[in-house]
Amino acid sequence: MSQKVQLTLAQMRAGQSGTIVAIFGGRGLTRRLEAVGIRVGGKVTKISSTLFRGPVTLRANHTQVAIGYGMANKILVEVDTSS
């Protein structure tokens, strides 16, 4: 049985994958993220992040993207915890 957990992209560990559930931001943020392939319903994998609120690197639609910590904190992801 798998359990679904929701975390922000900033809270996820490197290597975790999930489906984007919501983006908590205005129209400008949503458009900026959609331009690089990050949208609600899309699959993402967190690749890495730096210490102390640095950029977060992720993979979405076979593209590797780095976004700021503030943006990553506004993206809610449903992570599958079954292993």
PDB file of N, CA and C in Angstrom:
ATOM      1  N   MET A   1       0.843  -1.177   0.000  1.00  0.00           N
ATOM      2  CA  MET A   1       0.000   0.000   0.000  1.00  0.00           C
ATOM      3  C   MET A   1       0.890   1.242   0.000  1.00  0.00           C
ATOM      4  N   SER A   2       0.592   2.173  -0.868  1.00  0.00           N
ATOM      5  CA  SER A   2       1.390   3.390  -0.935  1.00  0.00           C
ATOM      6  C   SER A   2       0.632   4.531  -0.272  1.00  0.00           C
ATOM      7  N   GLN A   3       1.388   5.390   0.363  1.00  0.00           N
ATOM      8  CA  GLN A   3       0.830   6.545   1.044  1.00  0.00           C
ATOM      9  C   GLN A   3       1.309   7.795   0.327  1.00  0.00           C
ATOM     10  N   LYS A   4       0.412   8.744   0.111  1.00  0.00           N
ATOM     11  CA  LYS A   4       0.765   9.982  -0.579  1.00  0.00           C
ATOM     12  C   LYS A   4       1.041  11.080   0.431  1.00  0.00           C
ATOM     13  N   VAL A   5       2.154  11.757   0.243  1.00  0.00           N
ATOM     14  CA  VAL A   5       2.564  12.852   1.112  1.00  0.00           C
ATOM     15  C   VAL A   5       2.745  14.082   0.238  1.00  0.00           C
ATOM     16  N   GLN A   6       2.303  15.233   0.728  1.00  0.00           N
ATOM     17  CA  GLN A   6       2.469  16.472  -0.009  1.00  0.00           C
ATOM     18  C   GLN A   6       3.523  17.334   0.670  1.00  0.00           C
ATOM     19  N   LEU A   7       4.520  17.755  -0.102  1.00  0.00           N
ATOM     20  CA  LEU A   7       5.603  18.619   0.363  1.00  0.00           C
ATOM     21  C   LEU A   7       5.819  19.710  -0.669  1.00  0.00           C
ATOM     22  N   THR A   8       6.421  20.804  -0.236  1.00  0.00           N
ATOM     23  CA  THR A   8       6.829  21.782  -1.229  1.00  0.00           C
ATOM     24  C   THR A   8       8.100  21.248  -1.886  1.00  0.00           C
ATOM     25  N   LEU A   9       8.394  21.746  -3.051  1.00  0.00           N
ATOM     26  CA  LEU A   9       9.592  21.327  -3.764  1.00  0.00           C
ATOM     27  C   LEU A   9      10.849  21.617  -2.937  1.00  0.00           C
ATOM     28  N   ALA A  10      10.834  22.687  -2.167  1.00  0.00           N
ATOM     29  CA  ALA A  10      11.976  23.032  -1.318  1.00  0.00           C
ATOM     30  C   ALA A  10      12.177  22.012  -0.195  1.00  0.00           C
ATOM     31  N   GLN A  11      11.106  21.381   0.270  1.00  0.00           N
ATOM     32  CA  GLN A  11      11.181  20.423   1.368  1.00  0.00           C
ATOM     33  C   GLN A  11      11.590  19.021   0.923  1.00  0.00           C
ATOM     34  N   MET A  12      11.443  18.722  -0.352  1.00  0.00           N
ATOM     35  CA  MET A  12      11.771  17.383  -0.855  1.00  0.00           C
ATOM     36  C   MET A  12      13.265  17.107  -0.739  1.00  0.00           C
ATOM     37  N   ARG A  13      13.610  15.825  -0.632  1.00  0.00           N
ATOM     38  CA  ARG A  13      15.018  15.412  -0.636  1.00  0.00           C
ATOM     39  C   ARG A  13      15.473  15.206  -2.076  1.00  0.00           C
ATOM     40  N   ALA A  14      16.757  15.310  -2.299  1.00  0.00           N
ATOM     41  CA  ALA A  14      17.314  15.057  -3.631  1.00  0.00           C
ATOM     42  C   ALA A  14      16.992  13.624  -4.039  1.00  0.00           C
ATOM     43  N   GLY A  15      16.556  13.444  -5.265  1.00  0.00           N
ATOM     44  CA  GLY A  15      16.214  12.131  -5.787  1.00  0.00           C
ATOM     45  C   GLY A  15      14.740  11.791  -5.690  1.00  0.00           C
ATOM     46  N   GLN A  16      13.973  12.541  -4.907  1.00  0.00           N
ATOM     47  CA  GLN A  16      12.541  12.275  -4.789  1.00  0.00           C
ATOM     48  C   GLN A  16      11.803  12.786  -6.024  1.00  0.00           C
ATOM     49  N   SER A  17      10.754  12.067  -6.394  1.00  0.00           N
ATOM     50  CA  SER A  17       9.918  12.449  -7.533  1.00  0.00           C
ATOM     51  C   SER A  17       8.483  12.584  -7.076  1.00  0.00           C
ATOM     52  N   GLY A  18       7.708  13.289  -7.863  1.00  0.00           N
ATOM     53  CA  GLY A  18       6.298  13.426  -7.546  1.00  0.00           C
ATOM     54  C   GLY A  18       5.559  14.197  -8.622  1.00  0.00           C
ATOM     55  N   THR A  19       4.280  14.424  -8.353  1.00  0.00           N
ATOM     56  CA  THR A  19       3.400  15.142  -9.265  1.00  0.00           C
ATOM     57  C   THR A  19       3.040  16.479  -8.645  1.00  0.00           C
ATOM     58  N   ILE A  20       3.130  17.539  -9.437  1.00  0.00           N
ATOM     59  CA  ILE A  20       2.793  18.872  -8.938  1.00  0.00           C
ATOM     60  C   ILE A  20       1.286  18.956  -8.723  1.00  0.00           C
ATOM     61  N   VAL A  21       0.897  19.342  -7.505  1.00  0.00           N
ATOM     62  CA  VAL A  21      -0.509  19.433  -7.121  1.00  0.00           C
ATOM     63  C   VAL A  21      -1.009  20.868  -7.227  1.00  0.00           C
ATOM     64  N   ALA A  22      -0.168  21.827  -6.829  1.00  0.00           N
ATOM     65  CA  ALA A  22      -0.591  23.234  -6.836  1.00  0.00           C
ATOM     66  C   ALA A  22       0.625  24.146  -6.917  1.00  0.00           C
ATOM     67  N   ILE A  23       0.392  25.334  -7.453  1.00  0.00           N
ATOM     68  CA  ILE A  23       1.403  26.381  -7.468  1.00  0.00           C
ATOM     69  C   ILE A  23       0.771  27.599  -6.801  1.00  0.00           C
ATOM     70  N   PHE A  24       1.345  28.004  -5.660  1.00  0.00           N
ATOM     71  CA  PHE A  24       0.807  29.112  -4.888  1.00  0.00           C
ATOM     72  C   PHE A  24       1.517  30.398  -5.276  1.00  0.00           C
ATOM     73  N   GLY A  25       1.034  31.007  -6.322  1.00  0.00           N
ATOM     74  CA  GLY A  25       1.636  32.250  -6.796  1.00  0.00           C
ATOM     75  C   GLY A  25       0.697  32.927  -7.772  1.00  0.00           C
ATOM     76  N   GLY A  26       1.078  34.095  -8.170  1.00  0.00           N
ATOM     77  CA  GLY A  26       0.268  34.864  -9.107  1.00  0.00           C
ATOM     78  C   GLY A  26       0.434  34.385 -10.538  1.00  0.00           C
ATOM     79  N   ARG A  27      -0.204  35.106 -11.422  1.00  0.00           N
ATOM     80  CA  ARG A  27      -0.177  34.762 -12.837  1.00  0.00           C
ATOM     81  C   ARG A  27       1.231  34.826 -13.416  1.00  0.00           C
ATOM     82  N   GLY A  28       2.028  35.806 -12.966  1.00  0.00           N
ATOM     83  CA  GLY A  28       3.394  35.949 -13.462  1.00  0.00           C
ATOM     84  C   GLY A  28       4.256  34.750 -13.107  1.00  0.00           C
ATOM     85  N   LEU A  29       4.178  34.296 -11.868  1.00  0.00           N
ATOM     86  CA  LEU A  29       4.945  33.129 -11.442  1.00  0.00           C
ATOM     87  C   LEU A  29       4.507  31.889 -12.207  1.00  0.00           C
ATOM     88  N   THR A  30       3.210  31.711 -12.340  1.00  0.00           N
ATOM     89  CA  THR A  30       2.686  30.544 -13.054  1.00  0.00           C
ATOM     90  C   THR A  30       3.168  30.534 -14.497  1.00  0.00           C
ATOM     91  N   ARG A  31       3.123  31.672 -15.168  1.00  0.00           N
ATOM     92  CA  ARG A  31       3.588  31.753 -16.562  1.00  0.00           C
ATOM     93  C   ARG A  31       5.078  31.474 -16.678  1.00  0.00           C
ATOM     94  N   ARG A  32       5.861  32.013 -15.744  1.00  0.00           N
ATOM     95  CA  ARG A  32       7.305  31.810 -15.763  1.00  0.00           C
ATOM     96  C   ARG A  32       7.643  30.328 -15.593  1.00  0.00           C
ATOM     97  N   LEU A  33       6.937  29.660 -14.684  1.00  0.00           N
ATOM     98  CA  LEU A  33       7.183  28.233 -14.469  1.00  0.00           C
ATOM     99  C   LEU A  33       6.705  27.395 -15.657  1.00  0.00           C
ATOM    100  N   GLU A  34       5.560  27.733 -16.228  1.00  0.00           N
ATOM    101  CA  GLU A  34       5.056  27.004 -17.391  1.00  0.00           C
ATOM    102  C   GLU A  34       6.001  27.133 -18.582  1.00  0.00           C
ATOM    103  N   ALA A  35       6.694  28.256 -18.693  1.00  0.00           N
ATOM    104  CA  ALA A  35       7.624  28.474 -19.801  1.00  0.00           C
ATOM    105  C   ALA A  35       8.785  27.477 -19.768  1.00  0.00           C
ATOM    106  N   VAL A  36       9.112  26.967 -18.580  1.00  0.00           N
ATOM    107  CA  VAL A  36      10.187  25.982 -18.471  1.00  0.00           C
ATOM    108  C   VAL A  36       9.638  24.568 -18.223  1.00  0.00           C
ATOM    109  N   GLY A  37       8.330  24.376 -18.412  1.00  0.00           N
ATOM    110  CA  GLY A  37       7.737  23.046 -18.336  1.00  0.00           C
ATOM    111  C   GLY A  37       7.258  22.612 -16.970  1.00  0.00           C
ATOM    112  N   ILE A  38       7.144  23.537 -16.031  1.00  0.00           N
ATOM    113  CA  ILE A  38       6.665  23.195 -14.686  1.00  0.00           C
ATOM    114  C   ILE A  38       5.221  23.652 -14.578  1.00  0.00           C
ATOM    115  N   ARG A  39       4.298  22.686 -14.495  1.00  0.00           N
ATOM    116  CA  ARG A  39       2.876  23.027 -14.405  1.00  0.00           C
ATOM    117  C   ARG A  39       2.142  21.992 -13.568  1.00  0.00           C
ATOM    118  N   VAL A  40       0.966  22.355 -13.078  1.00  0.00           N
ATOM    119  CA  VAL A  40       0.156  21.449 -12.265  1.00  0.00           C
ATOM    120  C   VAL A  40      -0.139  20.185 -13.062  1.00  0.00           C
ATOM    121  N   GLY A  41       0.054  19.043 -12.423  1.00  0.00           N
ATOM    122  CA  GLY A  41      -0.167  17.756 -13.076  1.00  0.00           C
ATOM    123  C   GLY A  41       1.101  17.172 -13.664  1.00  0.00           C
ATOM    124  N   GLY A  42       2.153  17.967 -13.763  1.00  0.00           N
ATOM    125  CA  GLY A  42       3.413  17.505 -14.336  1.00  0.00           C
ATOM    126  C   GLY A  42       4.258  16.744 -13.320  1.00  0.00           C
ATOM    127  N   LYS A  43       5.105  15.882 -13.820  1.00  0.00           N
ATOM    128  CA  LYS A  43       6.015  15.100 -12.984  1.00  0.00           C
ATOM    129  C   LYS A  43       7.329  15.859 -12.832  1.00  0.00           C
ATOM    130  N   VAL A  44       7.883  15.861 -11.615  1.00  0.00           N
ATOM    131  CA  VAL A  44       9.171  16.491 -11.355  1.00  0.00           C
ATOM    132  C   VAL A  44      10.020  15.578 -10.483  1.00  0.00           C
ATOM    133  N   THR A  45      11.324  15.715 -10.639  1.00  0.00           N
ATOM    134  CA  THR A  45      12.291  15.025  -9.792  1.00  0.00           C
ATOM    135  C   THR A  45      13.270  16.064  -9.282  1.00  0.00           C
ATOM    136  N   LYS A  46      13.445  16.121  -7.976  1.00  0.00           N
ATOM    137  CA  LYS A  46      14.400  17.066  -7.404  1.00  0.00           C
ATOM    138  C   LYS A  46      15.787  16.467  -7.529  1.00  0.00           C
ATOM    139  N   ILE A  47      16.689  17.219  -8.129  1.00  0.00           N
ATOM    140  CA  ILE A  47      18.052  16.739  -8.342  1.00  0.00           C
ATOM    141  C   ILE A  47      18.944  17.182  -7.192  1.00  0.00           C
ATOM    142  N   SER A  48      18.914  18.458  -6.849  1.00  0.00           N
ATOM    143  CA  SER A  48      19.748  18.943  -5.753  1.00  0.00           C
ATOM    144  C   SER A  48      19.278  20.306  -5.286  1.00  0.00           C
ATOM    145  N   SER A  49      19.814  20.703  -4.150  1.00  0.00           N
ATOM    146  CA  SER A  49      19.601  22.061  -3.653  1.00  0.00           C
ATOM    147  C   SER A  49      20.828  22.424  -2.837  1.00  0.00           C
ATOM    148  N   THR A  50      21.059  23.709  -2.698  1.00  0.00           N
ATOM    149  CA  THR A  50      22.211  24.146  -1.915  1.00  0.00           C
ATOM    150  C   THR A  50      21.743  24.517  -0.522  1.00  0.00           C
ATOM    151  N   LEU A  51      22.680  24.611   0.382  1.00  0.00           N
ATOM    152  CA  LEU A  51      22.352  24.967   1.755  1.00  0.00           C
ATOM    153  C   LEU A  51      21.921  26.422   1.846  1.00  0.00           C
ATOM    154  N   PHE A  52      21.200  26.713   2.891  1.00  0.00           N
ATOM    155  CA  PHE A  52      20.818  28.085   3.224  1.00  0.00           C
ATOM    156  C   PHE A  52      20.033  28.780   2.117  1.00  0.00           C
ATOM    157  N   ARG A  53      18.968  28.136   1.668  1.00  0.00           N
ATOM    158  CA  ARG A  53      17.989  28.748   0.763  1.00  0.00           C
ATOM    159  C   ARG A  53      18.555  29.111  -0.605  1.00  0.00           C
ATOM    160  N   GLY A  54      19.436  28.301  -1.124  1.00  0.00           N
ATOM    161  CA  GLY A  54      19.994  28.540  -2.452  1.00  0.00           C
ATOM    162  C   GLY A  54      19.089  27.970  -3.528  1.00  0.00           C
ATOM    163  N   PRO A  55      19.523  27.990  -4.781  1.00  0.00           N
ATOM    164  CA  PRO A  55      18.706  27.480  -5.879  1.00  0.00           C
ATOM    165  C   PRO A  55      18.438  25.984  -5.767  1.00  0.00           C
ATOM    166  N   VAL A  56      17.300  25.570  -6.317  1.00  0.00           N
ATOM    167  CA  VAL A  56      16.884  24.171  -6.329  1.00  0.00           C
ATOM    168  C   VAL A  56      16.931  23.692  -7.778  1.00  0.00           C
ATOM    169  N   THR A  57      17.620  22.577  -8.012  1.00  0.00           N
ATOM    170  CA  THR A  57      17.725  22.017  -9.355  1.00  0.00           C
ATOM    171  C   THR A  57      16.743  20.856  -9.463  1.00  0.00           C
ATOM    172  N   LEU A  58      15.978  20.821 -10.562  1.00  0.00           N
ATOM    173  CA  LEU A  58      14.990  19.766 -10.754  1.00  0.00           C
ATOM    174  C   LEU A  58      14.923  19.375 -12.214  1.00  0.00           C
ATOM    175  N   ARG A  59      14.285  18.232 -12.435  1.00  0.00           N
ATOM    176  CA  ARG A  59      14.077  17.753 -13.793  1.00  0.00           C
ATOM    177  C   ARG A  59      12.571  17.700 -14.044  1.00  0.00           C
ATOM    178  N   ALA A  60      12.141  18.350 -15.125  1.00  0.00           N
ATOM    179  CA  ALA A  60      10.733  18.359 -15.530  1.00  0.00           C
ATOM    180  C   ALA A  60      10.691  18.217 -17.039  1.00  0.00           C
ATOM    181  N   ASN A  61       9.966  17.237 -17.535  1.00  0.00           N
ATOM    182  CA  ASN A  61       9.825  17.011 -18.976  1.00  0.00           C
ATOM    183  C   ASN A  61      11.183  16.857 -19.668  1.00  0.00           C
ATOM    184  N   HIS A  62      12.044  16.038 -19.108  1.00  0.00           N
ATOM    185  CA  HIS A  62      13.367  15.744 -19.671  1.00  0.00           C
ATOM    186  C   HIS A  62      14.262  16.975 -19.777  1.00  0.00           C
ATOM    187  N   THR A  63      13.965  18.002 -18.989  1.00  0.00           N
ATOM    188  CA  THR A  63      14.758  19.222 -18.982  1.00  0.00           C
ATOM    189  C   THR A  63      15.201  19.511 -17.551  1.00  0.00           C
ATOM    190  N   GLN A  64      16.461  19.838 -17.367  1.00  0.00           N
ATOM    191  CA  GLN A  64      16.971  20.186 -16.049  1.00  0.00           C
ATOM    192  C   GLN A  64      16.896  21.695 -15.880  1.00  0.00           C
ATOM    193  N   VAL A  65      16.290  22.136 -14.768  1.00  0.00           N
ATOM    194  CA  VAL A  65      16.037  23.550 -14.522  1.00  0.00           C
ATOM    195  C   VAL A  65      16.461  23.891 -13.098  1.00  0.00           C
ATOM    196  N   ALA A  66      17.010  25.077 -12.905  1.00  0.00           N
ATOM    197  CA  ALA A  66      17.311  25.584 -11.562  1.00  0.00           C
ATOM    198  C   ALA A  66      16.374  26.757 -11.292  1.00  0.00           C
ATOM    199  N   ILE A  67      15.687  26.706 -10.152  1.00  0.00           N
ATOM    200  CA  ILE A  67      14.792  27.799  -9.766  1.00  0.00           C
ATOM    201  C   ILE A  67      15.182  28.258  -8.369  1.00  0.00           C
ATOM    202  N   GLY A  68      14.761  29.440  -8.014  1.00  0.00           N
ATOM    203  CA  GLY A  68      15.074  29.991  -6.705  1.00  0.00           C
ATOM    204  C   GLY A  68      14.325  29.287  -5.589  1.00  0.00           C
ATOM    205  N   TYR A  69      14.848  29.407  -4.380  1.00  0.00           N
ATOM    206  CA  TYR A  69      14.250  28.777  -3.212  1.00  0.00           C
ATOM    207  C   TYR A  69      12.817  29.272  -2.985  1.00  0.00           C
ATOM    208  N   GLY A  70      12.591  30.571  -3.161  1.00  0.00           N
ATOM    209  CA  GLY A  70      11.250  31.131  -2.973  1.00  0.00           C
ATOM    210  C   GLY A  70      10.232  30.526  -3.920  1.00  0.00           C
ATOM    211  N   MET A  71      10.629  30.344  -5.175  1.00  0.00           N
ATOM    212  CA  MET A  71       9.737  29.707  -6.149  1.00  0.00           C
ATOM    213  C   MET A  71       9.483  28.254  -5.758  1.00  0.00           C
ATOM    214  N   ALA A  72      10.541  27.541  -5.380  1.00  0.00           N
ATOM    215  CA  ALA A  72      10.417  26.130  -5.010  1.00  0.00           C
ATOM    216  C   ALA A  72       9.509  25.962  -3.796  1.00  0.00           C
ATOM    217  N   ASN A  73       9.487  26.955  -2.938  1.00  0.00           N
ATOM    218  CA  ASN A  73       8.657  26.894  -1.741  1.00  0.00           C
ATOM    219  C   ASN A  73       7.175  27.108  -2.053  1.00  0.00           C
ATOM    220  N   LYS A  74       6.855  27.565  -3.256  1.00  0.00           N
ATOM    221  CA  LYS A  74       5.463  27.804  -3.651  1.00  0.00           C
ATOM    222  C   LYS A  74       4.897  26.689  -4.521  1.00  0.00           C
ATOM    223  N   ILE A  75       5.690  25.641  -4.750  1.00  0.00           N
ATOM    224  CA  ILE A  75       5.246  24.528  -5.588  1.00  0.00           C
ATOM    225  C   ILE A  75       4.976  23.330  -4.701  1.00  0.00           C
ATOM    226  N   LEU A  76       3.710  22.893  -4.629  1.00  0.00           N
ATOM    227  CA  LEU A  76       3.304  21.755  -3.798  1.00  0.00           C
ATOM    228  C   LEU A  76       3.332  20.492  -4.646  1.00  0.00           C
ATOM    229  N   VAL A  77       4.046  19.480  -4.153  1.00  0.00           N
ATOM    230  CA  VAL A  77       4.242  18.234  -4.885  1.00  0.00           C
ATOM    231  C   VAL A  77       3.724  17.071  -4.066  1.00  0.00           C
ATOM    232  N   GLU A  78       3.010  16.149  -4.710  1.00  0.00           N
ATOM    233  CA  GLU A  78       2.564  14.919  -4.055  1.00  0.00           C
ATOM    234  C   GLU A  78       3.616  13.854  -4.307  1.00  0.00           C
ATOM    235  N   VAL A  79       4.281  13.431  -3.236  1.00  0.00           N
ATOM    236  CA  VAL A  79       5.392  12.484  -3.319  1.00  0.00           C
ATOM    237  C   VAL A  79       4.892  11.106  -2.929  1.00  0.00           C
ATOM    238  N   ASP A  80       5.259  10.097  -3.708  1.00  0.00           N
ATOM    239  CA  ASP A  80       4.908   8.720  -3.387  1.00  0.00           C
ATOM    240  C   ASP A  80       5.977   8.166  -2.455  1.00  0.00           C
ATOM    241  N   THR A  81       5.600   7.775  -1.260  1.00  0.00           N
ATOM    242  CA  THR A  81       6.562   7.314  -0.258  1.00  0.00           C
ATOM    243  C   THR A  81       6.791   5.813  -0.304  1.00  0.00           C
ATOM    244  N   SER A  82       6.109   5.084  -1.178  1.00  0.00           N
ATOM    245  CA  SER A  82       6.327   3.634  -1.238  1.00  0.00           C
ATOM    246  C   SER A  82       7.657   3.337  -1.927  1.00  0.00           C
ATOM    247  N   SER A  83       8.378   2.370  -1.396  1.00  0.00           N
ATOM    248  CA  SER A  83       9.666   2.010  -1.991  1.00  0.00           C
ATOM    249  C   SER A  83       9.778   0.529  -2.137  1.00  0.00           C
TER     250      SER A  83
END
